[in-house]
Amino acid sequence: MTERVVLAYSGGLDTSVAIGWIAEETGAEVIAVAVDVGQGGEDLDVIRKRALACGAVEAEVADAKDEFADEYCLPAIKANALYMDRYPLVSALSRPAIVKHLVAAAKKHGATTVAHGCTGKGNDQVRFEAGIVALAPDLRCLAPVRDYAMTRDRAIAFSEEKQLPIATTKKSPYSVDQNVFGRAVETGFLEDIWNGPIEDIYEYTQNPAVQRAPDEVIITFEQGAPVAIDGRPVTVLQAVQQLNERAGAQGVGRIDMVEDRLVGIKSREVYEAPGAIALITAHQELENVTVERELARYKRQVEQRWGELVYDGQWFSPLKRALDGFVDEANRYVSGDIRMTLHGGRAVVTGRRSAQSLYDFELATYDTGDTFDQSAAKGFIDIHSLSSKLAARRDLAGGT
């Protein structure tokens, strides 16, 4: 029986060439799988037909936009997931969503190997392969660009030799990855970290320096999930899409950073994530109103670890699954409304309200009607500072 390889297919030059390349190098039949996570571009049926024309024996396409929003973006919102306190895990979230479809296709078609188009120096190779073996430990992984040194020049030559139905126009100077949760741009002149980004690299956001009227929005959450925008019910996907437009029009969500890649190098990345940043900012503030202090303090530690696990390709790991349970429990009472002003590249919270609020006006006020028992404070401070007081006495007495 002929071996079969499932290929993560984008419809572009590299993965189109990979179909014939894999067949020649391994003798295997190739099943192409394209997954729509809101990256835009060509129609899925056009992509499917191109894969078949390039030599795939089967081609599957999946509209996974709602699945991606509900099962991957929403957990990130609940976790306030920002790698290195800034990056909302745009690409890292999409990889396990794609992996799930690749593994399902491999099982369906009896494939023994799953292939992807990642290089050998990025994070995505790890995210794909760690995810694949976590779901199907017996599957092998193949990366033509990495394993066979399939450079772009060689890919173009192969395409022309085989007369593949794929454009071989001059490559963009940038490497771009995008989905509904955001957009990542790297390489080209951005590799010099002294060079500032130019307006040409942005698509999801408008120039925040341009004068425009502010946009006020009210986001409603239920147990950590966005359920309405300005009082109109939305799915998670619709919430992200609508805020991509409204926050993006105000230049919200631009991130220029040097990040620590999993493979050990530092890399300069420019991101656009207007909807993600607006939603996470709103969610963080609603948590400030509804989550008890000690739980909130501990959750901030969990958020950092959660984000690192996802960035490092450990979406399907036991620790990540366990932390998901904690994050869901911590979001039990995160319900209510957040009012924000979108303007000048910023999403600024201006109002909060929640039936689950822990904010007590009568305890918080300094005016008449204050119900806080200030007389209890002195004894509390005495007990709270006792251990430091004893240590200070020892130190002053010359203790070591």
Foldseek 3Di string as FASTA:
>chain_A
DAAEEEEAFDLALQSLLVQVVCCVVPVHAYEYEYEAQAQDDDDQVVSQVLSVLSRHPHYYYYDCNLVLLPPQLLLLLLLLADAVNHHSCFVLRVQLVSLVVSLVVCVVVVHQEYEYADADQALSVQLNVVSNCLVPVRHHYYHCCHPVVCDLVNSVVSCVVVVRPHDSDDDDQWDWDGGLQKIKIFGHPVQPVVDDDDPVVDDLADQLVDDDDKDKWKFWDALRATQDINPHGDRSSVQSNVQSNRLRDNQAAWDWDFDQGPSGDTGTMIMRGRSSVLSSVQLVVLLVFFADDVLVVVSNVLSNVLNVCSRNNNCSPPVNVVSSVSSSVRSNQSTWMWMWIRHSHDTHTDDTDGPNTPDDCLCPDPDPSNPPDVVVVVVVVCVVCVVVVVVVVCVVVPHD
